[in-house]
């Protein structure tokens, strides 16, 4: 899922997304799973926020977790459903809160390669805290804002529309580590692990996208 600055963009093409992930040597899903592995147990439930084609959560399914998810792109959801591993996957916009799930309804929540497209993380963090059961794990990525970097910038992205391939301008957002930890703490999460990695590169624009994974645990009730 990549929100766009223009009105033409209607969501990524699932086949194109999978192809680009392979071509760009994308391993974010493997890193996230590895960092969370010690905290998951077969039979537990997991919600994938911005599930896309299921790259982030497929390994959790293979480890015995019951996966559900949502995304705002119908084509990406069809790509996920074609893999036949997830339970209920629904179309829903991350910016539309509350999310369509009951409180304390999942053991864990993940969101990979999504939150760097959002200026305000607070609504998603609050919803994750509401949805996750006590002592559950929230694994997600942001692009950390380094000294001297702007919080907002724009990349040019070639994607598919009804008329064929087009180049779109996409707003990206960086978030400071101190702010991320403060937001997490305000809704009852404590950071257990973190890890930076190169997620994407736009050499013609002079932009390297480094994502940071956080693995945070919700406090026990009471």
N, C-alpha and C. Protein backbone atom coordinates (compact mmCIF):
# COMPACT_ATOMS: atom_id res chain seq x y z
N UNK A 1 0.84 -1.19 0.00
CA UNK A 1 0.00 0.00 0.00
C UNK A 1 0.87 1.23 0.00
N UNK A 2 0.70 2.13 -0.97
CA UNK A 2 1.46 3.37 -1.05
C UNK A 2 0.51 4.52 -1.31
N UNK A 3 0.12 5.27 -0.28
CA UNK A 3 -0.71 6.45 -0.53
C UNK A 3 0.00 7.41 -1.46
N UNK A 4 -0.73 8.07 -2.33
CA UNK A 4 -0.13 8.96 -3.32
C UNK A 4 -0.59 10.38 -3.12
N UNK A 5 0.21 11.31 -3.66
CA UNK A 5 -0.17 12.72 -3.62
C UNK A 5 -1.20 13.05 -4.70
N UNK A 6 -1.31 12.24 -5.73
CA UNK A 6 -2.23 12.50 -6.83
C UNK A 6 -3.53 11.75 -6.68
N UNK A 7 -4.48 12.04 -7.58
CA UNK A 7 -5.78 11.39 -7.51
C UNK A 7 -5.85 10.14 -8.39
N UNK A 8 -4.86 9.94 -9.27
CA UNK A 8 -4.95 8.83 -10.20
C UNK A 8 -4.64 7.49 -9.56
N UNK A 9 -3.76 7.50 -8.57
CA UNK A 9 -3.24 6.24 -8.04
C UNK A 9 -4.32 5.48 -7.30
N UNK A 10 -4.46 4.20 -7.59
CA UNK A 10 -5.52 3.39 -6.98
C UNK A 10 -4.96 2.18 -6.25
N UNK A 11 -3.66 2.18 -5.90
CA UNK A 11 -3.08 1.04 -5.20
C UNK A 11 -2.17 0.24 -6.09
N UNK A 12 -1.25 -0.49 -5.47
CA UNK A 12 -0.25 -1.22 -6.22
C UNK A 12 -0.83 -2.43 -6.93
N UNK A 13 -0.17 -2.81 -8.01
CA UNK A 13 -0.46 -4.04 -8.71
C UNK A 13 0.26 -5.17 -7.98
N UNK A 14 -0.49 -6.23 -7.61
CA UNK A 14 0.08 -7.29 -6.79
C UNK A 14 1.26 -7.99 -7.47
N UNK A 15 1.11 -8.31 -8.75
CA UNK A 15 2.18 -8.99 -9.46
C UNK A 15 3.43 -8.11 -9.55
N UNK A 16 3.22 -6.82 -9.80
CA UNK A 16 4.34 -5.88 -9.87
C UNK A 16 5.02 -5.78 -8.52
N UNK A 17 4.25 -5.74 -7.45
CA UNK A 17 4.81 -5.64 -6.10
C UNK A 17 5.69 -6.84 -5.78
N UNK A 18 5.21 -8.03 -6.09
CA UNK A 18 5.99 -9.25 -5.83
C UNK A 18 7.26 -9.26 -6.68
N UNK A 19 7.15 -8.83 -7.91
CA UNK A 19 8.32 -8.81 -8.80
C UNK A 19 9.36 -7.83 -8.30
N UNK A 20 8.92 -6.65 -7.88
CA UNK A 20 9.86 -5.65 -7.39
C UNK A 20 10.52 -6.09 -6.09
N UNK A 21 9.78 -6.77 -5.23
CA UNK A 21 10.35 -7.26 -3.98
C UNK A 21 11.50 -8.22 -4.25
N UNK A 22 11.33 -9.08 -5.27
CA UNK A 22 12.39 -10.02 -5.63
C UNK A 22 13.57 -9.32 -6.30
N UNK A 23 13.27 -8.39 -7.20
CA UNK A 23 14.32 -7.69 -7.92
C UNK A 23 15.16 -6.80 -7.01
N UNK A 24 14.53 -6.20 -5.98
CA UNK A 24 15.23 -5.29 -5.08
C UNK A 24 15.85 -6.02 -3.90
N UNK A 25 15.80 -7.37 -3.92
CA UNK A 25 16.42 -8.16 -2.85
C UNK A 25 15.83 -7.78 -1.49
N UNK A 26 14.52 -7.69 -1.44
CA UNK A 26 13.79 -7.27 -0.24
C UNK A 26 13.72 -8.40 0.78
N UNK A 27 14.24 -8.18 1.97
CA UNK A 27 14.25 -9.19 3.01
C UNK A 27 13.61 -8.70 4.31
N UNK A 28 12.85 -7.62 4.24
CA UNK A 28 12.24 -7.08 5.44
C UNK A 28 11.35 -8.08 6.16
N UNK A 29 10.60 -8.87 5.40
CA UNK A 29 9.70 -9.85 6.01
C UNK A 29 10.47 -10.92 6.79
N UNK A 30 11.64 -11.31 6.26
CA UNK A 30 12.45 -12.31 6.93
C UNK A 30 13.05 -11.74 8.22
N UNK A 31 13.49 -10.48 8.17
CA UNK A 31 14.07 -9.85 9.35
C UNK A 31 13.02 -9.69 10.44
N UNK A 32 11.84 -9.22 10.07
CA UNK A 32 10.77 -9.05 11.06
C UNK A 32 10.43 -10.38 11.73
N UNK A 33 10.28 -11.42 10.94
CA UNK A 33 9.95 -12.73 11.51
C UNK A 33 11.05 -13.21 12.46
N UNK A 34 12.30 -13.04 12.04
CA UNK A 34 13.40 -13.48 12.88
C UNK A 34 13.44 -12.76 14.22
N UNK A 35 13.17 -11.46 14.21
CA UNK A 35 13.19 -10.69 15.45
C UNK A 35 12.03 -11.05 16.38
N UNK A 36 10.91 -11.48 15.81
CA UNK A 36 9.74 -11.81 16.62
C UNK A 36 9.65 -13.27 17.01
N UNK A 37 10.47 -14.11 16.42
CA UNK A 37 10.31 -15.57 16.55
C UNK A 37 10.27 -16.03 18.01
N UNK A 38 11.12 -15.48 18.86
CA UNK A 38 11.19 -15.93 20.25
C UNK A 38 9.94 -15.60 21.05
N UNK A 39 9.07 -14.75 20.51
CA UNK A 39 7.92 -14.28 21.27
C UNK A 39 6.58 -14.83 20.76
N UNK A 40 6.62 -15.74 19.79
CA UNK A 40 5.39 -16.28 19.23
C UNK A 40 5.27 -17.77 19.56
N UNK A 41 4.03 -18.26 19.56
CA UNK A 41 3.74 -19.66 19.87
C UNK A 41 2.71 -20.18 18.87
N UNK A 42 2.92 -21.38 18.32
CA UNK A 42 1.93 -21.95 17.39
C UNK A 42 0.52 -21.92 17.99
N UNK A 43 -0.44 -21.59 17.14
CA UNK A 43 -1.83 -21.51 17.58
C UNK A 43 -2.28 -20.12 17.94
N UNK A 44 -1.33 -19.18 18.11
CA UNK A 44 -1.69 -17.81 18.41
C UNK A 44 -2.19 -17.10 17.16
N UNK A 45 -2.84 -15.96 17.36
CA UNK A 45 -3.40 -15.19 16.26
C UNK A 45 -2.54 -13.97 15.97
N UNK A 46 -2.53 -13.55 14.70
CA UNK A 46 -1.74 -12.40 14.27
C UNK A 46 -2.52 -11.60 13.25
N UNK A 47 -2.54 -10.28 13.45
CA UNK A 47 -3.16 -9.36 12.49
C UNK A 47 -2.08 -8.62 11.74
N UNK A 48 -2.16 -8.62 10.41
CA UNK A 48 -1.20 -7.91 9.56
C UNK A 48 -1.86 -6.64 9.05
N UNK A 49 -1.39 -5.49 9.55
CA UNK A 49 -1.92 -4.18 9.15
C UNK A 49 -1.24 -3.78 7.85
N UNK A 50 -2.01 -3.65 6.77
CA UNK A 50 -1.45 -3.41 5.45
C UNK A 50 -0.85 -4.69 4.90
N UNK A 51 -1.62 -5.76 4.91
CA UNK A 51 -1.12 -7.10 4.60
C UNK A 51 -0.61 -7.23 3.18
N UNK A 52 -1.10 -6.41 2.24
CA UNK A 52 -0.64 -6.51 0.86
C UNK A 52 -0.83 -7.91 0.31
N UNK A 53 0.22 -8.48 -0.27
CA UNK A 53 0.15 -9.84 -0.82
C UNK A 53 0.54 -10.90 0.21
N UNK A 54 0.77 -10.48 1.44
CA UNK A 54 1.05 -11.43 2.51
C UNK A 54 2.51 -11.75 2.76
N UNK A 55 3.43 -10.99 2.16
CA UNK A 55 4.85 -11.28 2.34
C UNK A 55 5.26 -11.22 3.81
N UNK A 56 4.73 -10.27 4.56
CA UNK A 56 5.15 -10.09 5.95
C UNK A 56 4.65 -11.18 6.87
N UNK A 57 3.51 -11.78 6.55
CA UNK A 57 2.88 -12.70 7.50
C UNK A 57 2.93 -14.17 7.08
N UNK A 58 3.38 -14.46 5.87
CA UNK A 58 3.41 -15.85 5.41
C UNK A 58 4.27 -16.73 6.31
N UNK A 59 5.42 -16.22 6.74
CA UNK A 59 6.29 -17.02 7.61
C UNK A 59 5.65 -17.27 8.98
N UNK A 60 4.86 -16.33 9.45
CA UNK A 60 4.16 -16.55 10.72
C UNK A 60 3.13 -17.67 10.57
N UNK A 61 2.47 -17.72 9.42
CA UNK A 61 1.56 -18.83 9.14
C UNK A 61 2.31 -20.16 9.15
N UNK A 62 3.46 -20.19 8.51
CA UNK A 62 4.25 -21.42 8.46
C UNK A 62 4.73 -21.84 9.84
N UNK A 63 4.84 -20.87 10.76
CA UNK A 63 5.25 -21.17 12.13
C UNK A 63 4.06 -21.57 13.01
N UNK A 64 2.86 -21.63 12.41
CA UNK A 64 1.70 -22.12 13.14
C UNK A 64 0.76 -21.07 13.67
N UNK A 65 0.94 -19.80 13.27
CA UNK A 65 0.03 -18.75 13.73
C UNK A 65 -1.17 -18.63 12.78
N UNK A 66 -2.29 -18.16 13.33
CA UNK A 66 -3.50 -17.93 12.55
C UNK A 66 -3.51 -16.47 12.11
N UNK A 67 -3.37 -16.24 10.81
CA UNK A 67 -3.15 -14.90 10.26
C UNK A 67 -4.43 -14.30 9.70
N UNK A 68 -4.68 -13.04 10.04
CA UNK A 68 -5.71 -12.23 9.41
C UNK A 68 -5.06 -10.92 8.99
N UNK A 69 -5.77 -10.12 8.18
CA UNK A 69 -5.16 -8.86 7.78
C UNK A 69 -6.11 -7.98 7.01
N UNK A 70 -5.66 -6.73 6.80
CA UNK A 70 -6.44 -5.81 5.96
C UNK A 70 -5.51 -4.91 5.18
N UNK A 71 -6.04 -4.37 4.09
CA UNK A 71 -5.30 -3.49 3.18
C UNK A 71 -6.33 -2.67 2.43
N UNK A 72 -5.89 -1.54 1.85
CA UNK A 72 -6.85 -0.73 1.10
C UNK A 72 -6.83 -1.01 -0.40
N UNK A 73 -5.99 -1.96 -0.85
CA UNK A 73 -5.89 -2.28 -2.27
C UNK A 73 -6.56 -3.61 -2.58
N UNK A 74 -7.65 -3.61 -3.33
CA UNK A 74 -8.32 -4.87 -3.69
C UNK A 74 -7.40 -5.83 -4.44
N UNK A 75 -6.54 -5.30 -5.33
CA UNK A 75 -5.66 -6.16 -6.11
C UNK A 75 -4.63 -6.85 -5.22
N UNK A 76 -4.09 -6.11 -4.25
CA UNK A 76 -3.14 -6.71 -3.32
C UNK A 76 -3.81 -7.80 -2.48
N UNK A 77 -5.04 -7.55 -2.07
CA UNK A 77 -5.76 -8.54 -1.28
C UNK A 77 -6.04 -9.81 -2.09
N UNK A 78 -6.34 -9.63 -3.37
CA UNK A 78 -6.53 -10.81 -4.22
C UNK A 78 -5.23 -11.59 -4.33
N UNK A 79 -4.11 -10.89 -4.41
CA UNK A 79 -2.82 -11.56 -4.44
C UNK A 79 -2.56 -12.34 -3.17
N UNK A 80 -2.96 -11.78 -2.03
CA UNK A 80 -2.82 -12.48 -0.76
C UNK A 80 -3.73 -13.70 -0.70
N UNK A 81 -4.96 -13.52 -1.09
CA UNK A 81 -5.93 -14.63 -1.04
C UNK A 81 -5.51 -15.78 -1.94
N UNK A 82 -4.82 -15.48 -3.04
CA UNK A 82 -4.40 -16.53 -3.97
C UNK A 82 -3.37 -17.47 -3.35
N UNK A 83 -2.72 -17.04 -2.27
CA UNK A 83 -1.73 -17.88 -1.59
C UNK A 83 -2.37 -18.84 -0.60
N UNK A 84 -3.64 -18.60 -0.29
CA UNK A 84 -4.44 -19.54 0.51
C UNK A 84 -3.82 -19.86 1.86
N UNK A 85 -3.30 -18.86 2.57
CA UNK A 85 -2.75 -19.13 3.90
C UNK A 85 -3.42 -18.30 4.99
N UNK A 86 -3.96 -17.14 4.63
CA UNK A 86 -4.54 -16.25 5.63
C UNK A 86 -6.01 -16.57 5.86
N UNK A 87 -6.49 -16.21 7.04
CA UNK A 87 -7.90 -16.35 7.35
C UNK A 87 -8.66 -15.20 6.71
N UNK A 88 -9.34 -14.41 7.53
CA UNK A 88 -10.12 -13.29 7.00
C UNK A 88 -9.21 -12.14 6.61
N UNK A 89 -9.28 -11.74 5.34
CA UNK A 89 -8.59 -10.54 4.87
C UNK A 89 -9.66 -9.60 4.32
N UNK A 90 -9.60 -8.33 4.74
CA UNK A 90 -10.65 -7.39 4.38
C UNK A 90 -10.04 -6.11 3.82
N UNK A 91 -10.84 -5.40 3.04
CA UNK A 91 -10.41 -4.11 2.51
C UNK A 91 -10.77 -3.03 3.51
N UNK A 92 -9.77 -2.29 3.93
CA UNK A 92 -9.98 -1.22 4.90
C UNK A 92 -8.79 -0.27 4.83
N UNK A 93 -9.06 1.03 4.93
CA UNK A 93 -8.03 2.05 4.88
C UNK A 93 -7.43 2.26 6.26
N UNK A 94 -6.10 2.24 6.37
CA UNK A 94 -5.44 2.45 7.65
C UNK A 94 -5.79 3.78 8.28
N UNK A 95 -6.12 4.76 7.46
CA UNK A 95 -6.42 6.08 8.00
C UNK A 95 -7.83 6.16 8.58
N UNK A 96 -8.60 5.10 8.41
CA UNK A 96 -9.98 5.05 8.91
C UNK A 96 -9.99 4.28 10.24
N UNK A 97 -10.05 5.00 11.34
CA UNK A 97 -10.07 4.36 12.66
C UNK A 97 -11.43 4.60 13.32
N UNK A 98 -11.86 3.64 14.15
CA UNK A 98 -11.15 2.44 14.58
C UNK A 98 -11.09 1.37 13.49
N UNK A 99 -10.11 0.48 13.61
CA UNK A 99 -10.01 -0.65 12.70
C UNK A 99 -11.15 -1.63 13.01
N UNK A 100 -11.54 -2.44 12.03
CA UNK A 100 -12.74 -3.29 12.20
C UNK A 100 -12.48 -4.57 13.00
N UNK A 101 -11.95 -4.43 14.22
CA UNK A 101 -11.66 -5.60 15.06
C UNK A 101 -12.00 -5.26 16.51
N UNK A 102 -12.38 -6.30 17.25
CA UNK A 102 -12.70 -6.12 18.66
C UNK A 102 -11.44 -5.87 19.47
N UNK A 103 -11.61 -5.27 20.63
CA UNK A 103 -10.48 -5.05 21.53
C UNK A 103 -9.92 -6.38 22.03
N UNK A 104 -8.61 -6.45 22.21
CA UNK A 104 -7.92 -7.64 22.71
C UNK A 104 -8.29 -8.90 21.93
N UNK A 105 -8.31 -8.77 20.60
CA UNK A 105 -8.75 -9.89 19.76
C UNK A 105 -7.61 -10.63 19.07
N UNK A 106 -6.38 -10.13 19.16
CA UNK A 106 -5.24 -10.81 18.54
C UNK A 106 -4.07 -10.88 19.51
N UNK A 107 -3.33 -11.98 19.41
CA UNK A 107 -2.11 -12.10 20.23
C UNK A 107 -1.03 -11.14 19.78
N UNK A 108 -0.91 -10.96 18.46
CA UNK A 108 0.18 -10.14 17.92
C UNK A 108 -0.32 -9.33 16.73
N UNK A 109 0.40 -8.24 16.44
CA UNK A 109 0.11 -7.40 15.29
C UNK A 109 1.42 -7.05 14.60
N UNK A 110 1.42 -7.07 13.26
CA UNK A 110 2.59 -6.63 12.50
C UNK A 110 2.17 -5.62 11.44
N UNK A 111 3.11 -4.77 11.04
CA UNK A 111 2.89 -3.83 9.95
C UNK A 111 4.24 -3.53 9.33
N UNK A 112 4.47 -4.04 8.14
CA UNK A 112 5.79 -3.96 7.51
C UNK A 112 5.75 -3.09 6.25
N UNK A 113 6.62 -2.09 6.20
CA UNK A 113 6.73 -1.25 5.02
C UNK A 113 5.49 -0.41 4.75
N UNK A 114 4.80 -0.01 5.79
CA UNK A 114 3.54 0.73 5.64
C UNK A 114 3.59 2.09 6.34
N UNK A 115 4.07 2.12 7.58
CA UNK A 115 3.93 3.32 8.40
C UNK A 115 4.82 4.46 7.96
N UNK A 116 5.80 4.21 7.09
CA UNK A 116 6.62 5.31 6.57
C UNK A 116 5.85 6.13 5.53
N UNK A 117 4.63 5.74 5.21
CA UNK A 117 3.77 6.53 4.33
C UNK A 117 2.78 7.39 5.11
N UNK A 118 2.92 7.43 6.45
CA UNK A 118 1.97 8.16 7.28
C UNK A 118 2.67 9.18 8.16
N UNK A 119 2.13 10.40 8.17
CA UNK A 119 2.72 11.48 8.95
C UNK A 119 2.46 11.31 10.44
N UNK A 120 1.33 10.74 10.80
CA UNK A 120 0.94 10.63 12.21
C UNK A 120 0.80 9.16 12.57
N UNK A 121 1.67 8.68 13.46
CA UNK A 121 1.65 7.27 13.87
C UNK A 121 0.69 7.01 15.02
N UNK A 122 0.30 8.05 15.73
CA UNK A 122 -0.47 7.87 16.96
C UNK A 122 -1.76 7.06 16.77
N UNK A 123 -2.58 7.32 15.74
CA UNK A 123 -3.82 6.54 15.60
C UNK A 123 -3.56 5.04 15.40
N UNK A 124 -2.53 4.70 14.62
CA UNK A 124 -2.22 3.28 14.40
C UNK A 124 -1.72 2.64 15.68
N UNK A 125 -0.87 3.33 16.42
CA UNK A 125 -0.36 2.79 17.68
C UNK A 125 -1.49 2.58 18.68
N UNK A 126 -2.42 3.54 18.75
CA UNK A 126 -3.54 3.37 19.67
C UNK A 126 -4.39 2.17 19.29
N UNK A 127 -4.62 1.99 18.00
CA UNK A 127 -5.42 0.85 17.55
C UNK A 127 -4.70 -0.48 17.80
N UNK A 128 -3.39 -0.51 17.57
CA UNK A 128 -2.63 -1.72 17.85
C UNK A 128 -2.73 -2.07 19.33
N UNK A 129 -2.60 -1.06 20.20
CA UNK A 129 -2.71 -1.30 21.64
C UNK A 129 -4.09 -1.81 22.03
N UNK A 130 -5.11 -1.30 21.35
CA UNK A 130 -6.48 -1.74 21.65
C UNK A 130 -6.71 -3.18 21.21
N UNK A 131 -6.17 -3.54 20.06
CA UNK A 131 -6.46 -4.83 19.44
C UNK A 131 -5.63 -5.97 20.04
N UNK A 132 -4.38 -5.68 20.43
CA UNK A 132 -3.49 -6.72 20.93
C UNK A 132 -3.86 -7.11 22.37
N UNK A 133 -3.78 -8.40 22.63
CA UNK A 133 -4.00 -8.90 23.98
C UNK A 133 -2.83 -8.52 24.89
N UNK A 134 -3.05 -8.47 26.20
CA UNK A 134 -1.95 -8.17 27.12
C UNK A 134 -0.75 -9.10 26.89
N UNK A 135 0.43 -8.52 26.92
CA UNK A 135 1.71 -9.20 26.73
C UNK A 135 1.95 -9.60 25.27
N UNK A 136 1.06 -9.16 24.37
CA UNK A 136 1.25 -9.45 22.95
C UNK A 136 2.32 -8.57 22.33
N UNK A 137 2.73 -8.92 21.12
CA UNK A 137 3.85 -8.27 20.43
C UNK A 137 3.34 -7.45 19.24
N UNK A 138 3.89 -6.25 19.12
CA UNK A 138 3.64 -5.37 17.97
C UNK A 138 4.97 -5.20 17.24
N UNK A 139 5.06 -5.77 16.04
CA UNK A 139 6.25 -5.65 15.22
C UNK A 139 5.96 -4.79 14.01
N UNK A 140 6.76 -3.73 13.79
CA UNK A 140 6.45 -2.79 12.71
C UNK A 140 7.72 -2.09 12.25
N UNK A 141 7.60 -1.41 11.11
CA UNK A 141 8.72 -0.62 10.59
C UNK A 141 8.32 0.83 10.43
N UNK A 142 9.31 1.69 10.63
CA UNK A 142 9.19 3.12 10.28
C UNK A 142 10.51 3.50 9.60
N UNK A 143 10.55 4.65 8.98
CA UNK A 143 11.82 5.20 8.52
C UNK A 143 12.27 6.21 9.57
N UNK A 144 13.40 5.92 10.22
CA UNK A 144 13.85 6.80 11.30
C UNK A 144 14.43 8.09 10.74
N UNK A 145 14.06 9.18 11.36
CA UNK A 145 14.60 10.48 10.97
C UNK A 145 15.97 10.69 11.61
N UNK A 146 16.99 10.81 10.78
CA UNK A 146 18.35 11.03 11.25
C UNK A 146 18.62 12.54 11.35
N UNK A 147 19.67 12.94 12.11
CA UNK A 147 20.00 14.36 12.21
C UNK A 147 20.20 15.00 10.84
N UNK A 148 19.58 16.15 10.64
CA UNK A 148 19.69 16.86 9.37
C UNK A 148 18.71 16.44 8.31
N UNK A 149 17.95 15.39 8.55
CA UNK A 149 16.97 14.93 7.57
C UNK A 149 15.62 15.59 7.79
N UNK A 150 14.89 15.76 6.70
CA UNK A 150 13.53 16.28 6.77
C UNK A 150 12.58 15.17 7.21
N UNK A 151 11.50 15.56 7.85
CA UNK A 151 10.51 14.56 8.25
C UNK A 151 9.66 14.11 7.07
N UNK A 152 9.54 14.95 6.04
CA UNK A 152 8.72 14.62 4.88
C UNK A 152 9.52 14.84 3.60
N UNK A 153 9.41 13.90 2.68
CA UNK A 153 10.04 14.06 1.38
C UNK A 153 9.21 13.31 0.34
N UNK A 154 9.57 13.43 -0.91
CA UNK A 154 8.78 12.84 -1.99
C UNK A 154 9.67 11.98 -2.89
N UNK A 155 9.16 10.82 -3.27
CA UNK A 155 9.84 9.99 -4.25
C UNK A 155 8.96 9.85 -5.48
N UNK A 156 9.60 9.53 -6.59
CA UNK A 156 8.86 9.22 -7.82
C UNK A 156 8.81 7.71 -7.96
N UNK A 157 7.62 7.20 -8.19
CA UNK A 157 7.40 5.76 -8.21
C UNK A 157 6.64 5.38 -9.48
N UNK A 158 7.13 4.38 -10.19
CA UNK A 158 6.44 3.90 -11.39
C UNK A 158 5.49 2.78 -11.01
N UNK A 159 4.21 3.00 -11.26
CA UNK A 159 3.19 2.02 -10.91
C UNK A 159 2.18 1.85 -12.02
N UNK A 160 1.23 0.97 -11.78
CA UNK A 160 0.22 0.65 -12.79
C UNK A 160 -1.09 1.36 -12.47
N UNK A 161 -1.73 1.86 -13.51
CA UNK A 161 -3.09 2.40 -13.40
C UNK A 161 -3.93 1.75 -14.49
N UNK A 162 -5.18 2.16 -14.61
CA UNK A 162 -6.05 1.59 -15.64
C UNK A 162 -5.52 1.88 -17.05
N UNK A 163 -4.73 2.94 -17.18
CA UNK A 163 -4.21 3.33 -18.50
C UNK A 163 -2.82 2.75 -18.77
N UNK A 164 -2.28 2.00 -17.82
CA UNK A 164 -0.95 1.41 -18.00
C UNK A 164 0.04 1.96 -16.99
N UNK A 165 1.34 1.85 -17.29
CA UNK A 165 2.38 2.29 -16.36
C UNK A 165 2.48 3.81 -16.33
N UNK A 166 2.56 4.36 -15.14
CA UNK A 166 2.70 5.80 -14.94
C UNK A 166 3.65 6.06 -13.79
N UNK A 167 4.20 7.24 -13.75
CA UNK A 167 5.04 7.64 -12.64
C UNK A 167 4.24 8.54 -11.70
N UNK A 168 4.30 8.21 -10.42
CA UNK A 168 3.54 8.93 -9.42
C UNK A 168 4.48 9.55 -8.39
N UNK A 169 4.06 10.65 -7.81
CA UNK A 169 4.78 11.25 -6.70
C UNK A 169 4.17 10.75 -5.40
N UNK A 170 5.02 10.25 -4.52
CA UNK A 170 4.54 9.65 -3.28
C UNK A 170 5.21 10.31 -2.09
N UNK A 171 4.42 10.77 -1.15
CA UNK A 171 4.94 11.39 0.06
C UNK A 171 5.43 10.31 1.02
N UNK A 172 6.61 10.52 1.57
CA UNK A 172 7.20 9.61 2.55
C UNK A 172 7.47 10.40 3.82
N UNK A 173 7.45 9.70 4.97
CA UNK A 173 7.61 10.38 6.25
C UNK A 173 8.62 9.65 7.13
N UNK A 174 9.51 10.42 7.73
CA UNK A 174 10.48 9.89 8.68
C UNK A 174 10.02 10.27 10.10
N UNK A 175 10.35 9.38 11.07
CA UNK A 175 9.93 9.60 12.45
C UNK A 175 11.11 9.40 13.38
N UNK A 176 11.29 10.30 14.33
CA UNK A 176 12.39 10.20 15.27
C UNK A 176 12.20 9.08 16.28
N UNK A 177 13.31 8.44 16.65
CA UNK A 177 13.26 7.33 17.59
C UNK A 177 12.64 7.75 18.93
N UNK A 178 13.00 8.93 19.41
CA UNK A 178 12.47 9.39 20.70
C UNK A 178 10.96 9.52 20.64
N UNK A 179 10.44 10.07 19.53
CA UNK A 179 9.01 10.23 19.38
C UNK A 179 8.31 8.88 19.28
N UNK A 180 8.88 7.95 18.53
CA UNK A 180 8.29 6.61 18.39
C UNK A 180 8.18 5.94 19.76
N UNK A 181 9.26 5.98 20.53
CA UNK A 181 9.26 5.35 21.85
C UNK A 181 8.27 6.03 22.79
N UNK A 182 8.16 7.34 22.69
CA UNK A 182 7.20 8.06 23.53
C UNK A 182 5.77 7.65 23.20
N UNK A 183 5.46 7.56 21.91
CA UNK A 183 4.11 7.14 21.50
C UNK A 183 3.81 5.72 21.96
N UNK A 184 4.78 4.84 21.81
CA UNK A 184 4.59 3.45 22.24
C UNK A 184 4.35 3.39 23.75
N UNK A 185 5.17 4.10 24.50
CA UNK A 185 5.00 4.10 25.95
C UNK A 185 3.67 4.65 26.40
N UNK A 186 3.16 5.64 25.66
CA UNK A 186 1.90 6.27 26.05
C UNK A 186 0.70 5.34 25.91
N UNK A 187 0.85 4.28 25.10
CA UNK A 187 -0.26 3.32 24.93
C UNK A 187 0.10 1.94 25.50
N UNK A 188 1.15 1.88 26.31
CA UNK A 188 1.42 0.66 27.06
C UNK A 188 2.37 -0.33 26.45
N UNK A 189 3.21 0.12 25.50
CA UNK A 189 4.19 -0.78 24.88
C UNK A 189 5.59 -0.49 25.40
N UNK A 190 6.40 -1.55 25.50
CA UNK A 190 7.82 -1.42 25.82
C UNK A 190 8.62 -2.06 24.69
N UNK A 191 9.64 -1.36 24.19
CA UNK A 191 10.45 -1.87 23.08
C UNK A 191 11.36 -2.99 23.58
N UNK A 192 11.32 -4.13 22.88
CA UNK A 192 12.17 -5.27 23.20
C UNK A 192 13.38 -5.37 22.28
N UNK A 193 13.17 -5.08 21.00
CA UNK A 193 14.24 -5.18 20.01
C UNK A 193 14.05 -4.09 18.96
N UNK A 194 15.16 -3.78 18.26
CA UNK A 194 15.08 -2.86 17.13
C UNK A 194 16.21 -3.21 16.16
N UNK A 195 16.00 -2.84 14.89
CA UNK A 195 17.01 -3.17 13.88
C UNK A 195 16.80 -2.30 12.64
N UNK A 196 17.89 -1.70 12.13
CA UNK A 196 17.86 -0.90 10.91
C UNK A 196 18.30 -1.72 9.71
N UNK A 197 17.71 -1.46 8.54
CA UNK A 197 18.17 -2.12 7.32
C UNK A 197 17.80 -1.28 6.10
N UNK A 198 18.57 -1.45 5.03
CA UNK A 198 18.29 -0.75 3.78
C UNK A 198 17.11 -1.43 3.10
N UNK A 199 16.05 -0.67 2.90
CA UNK A 199 14.82 -1.24 2.35
C UNK A 199 14.66 -0.97 0.87
N UNK A 200 15.13 0.19 0.40
CA UNK A 200 14.93 0.55 -1.00
C UNK A 200 15.95 1.62 -1.37
N UNK A 201 16.17 1.77 -2.66
CA UNK A 201 17.15 2.74 -3.14
C UNK A 201 16.63 3.38 -4.42
N UNK A 202 16.74 4.70 -4.48
CA UNK A 202 16.34 5.46 -5.66
C UNK A 202 17.55 6.29 -6.10
N UNK A 203 18.51 5.65 -6.78
CA UNK A 203 19.78 6.32 -7.11
C UNK A 203 19.61 7.56 -7.98
N UNK A 204 18.62 7.55 -8.88
CA UNK A 204 18.42 8.71 -9.74
C UNK A 204 17.91 9.92 -8.97
N UNK A 205 17.34 9.67 -7.77
CA UNK A 205 16.85 10.75 -6.92
C UNK A 205 17.77 11.01 -5.72
N UNK A 206 18.82 10.20 -5.60
CA UNK A 206 19.74 10.35 -4.48
C UNK A 206 19.13 10.00 -3.14
N UNK A 207 18.24 9.02 -3.14
CA UNK A 207 17.52 8.66 -1.92
C UNK A 207 17.73 7.18 -1.59
N UNK A 208 18.17 6.90 -0.38
CA UNK A 208 18.20 5.56 0.17
C UNK A 208 17.18 5.50 1.31
N UNK A 209 16.35 4.48 1.32
CA UNK A 209 15.32 4.34 2.35
C UNK A 209 15.76 3.28 3.36
N UNK A 210 16.11 3.72 4.54
CA UNK A 210 16.47 2.81 5.62
C UNK A 210 15.28 2.69 6.58
N UNK A 211 14.76 1.49 6.70
CA UNK A 211 13.67 1.25 7.64
C UNK A 211 14.21 0.74 8.97
N UNK A 212 13.46 1.00 10.02
CA UNK A 212 13.81 0.51 11.35
C UNK A 212 12.67 -0.34 11.87
N UNK A 213 13.00 -1.56 12.25
CA UNK A 213 12.01 -2.47 12.84
C UNK A 213 12.01 -2.31 14.35
N UNK A 214 10.83 -2.18 14.91
CA UNK A 214 10.64 -2.21 16.35
C UNK A 214 9.83 -3.45 16.70
N UNK A 215 10.25 -4.14 17.74
CA UNK A 215 9.46 -5.22 18.32
C UNK A 215 9.13 -4.78 19.73
N UNK A 216 7.84 -4.50 19.97
CA UNK A 216 7.41 -3.96 21.26
C UNK A 216 6.36 -4.87 21.88
N UNK A 217 6.36 -4.92 23.20
CA UNK A 217 5.42 -5.79 23.91
C UNK A 217 4.43 -4.96 24.71
N UNK A 218 3.17 -5.35 24.63
CA UNK A 218 2.13 -4.68 25.40
C UNK A 218 2.21 -5.12 26.85
N UNK A 219 1.98 -4.20 27.75
CA UNK A 219 2.04 -4.51 29.17
C UNK A 219 0.94 -5.51 29.55
N UNK A 220 1.21 -6.29 30.60
CA UNK A 220 0.20 -7.19 31.12
C UNK A 220 -0.93 -6.41 31.76
N UNK A 221 -2.13 -6.91 31.66
CA UNK A 221 -3.28 -6.20 32.25
C UNK A 221 -3.17 -6.16 33.76
N UNK A 222 -3.70 -5.10 34.33
CA UNK A 222 -3.71 -4.98 35.78
C UNK A 222 -2.39 -4.51 36.32
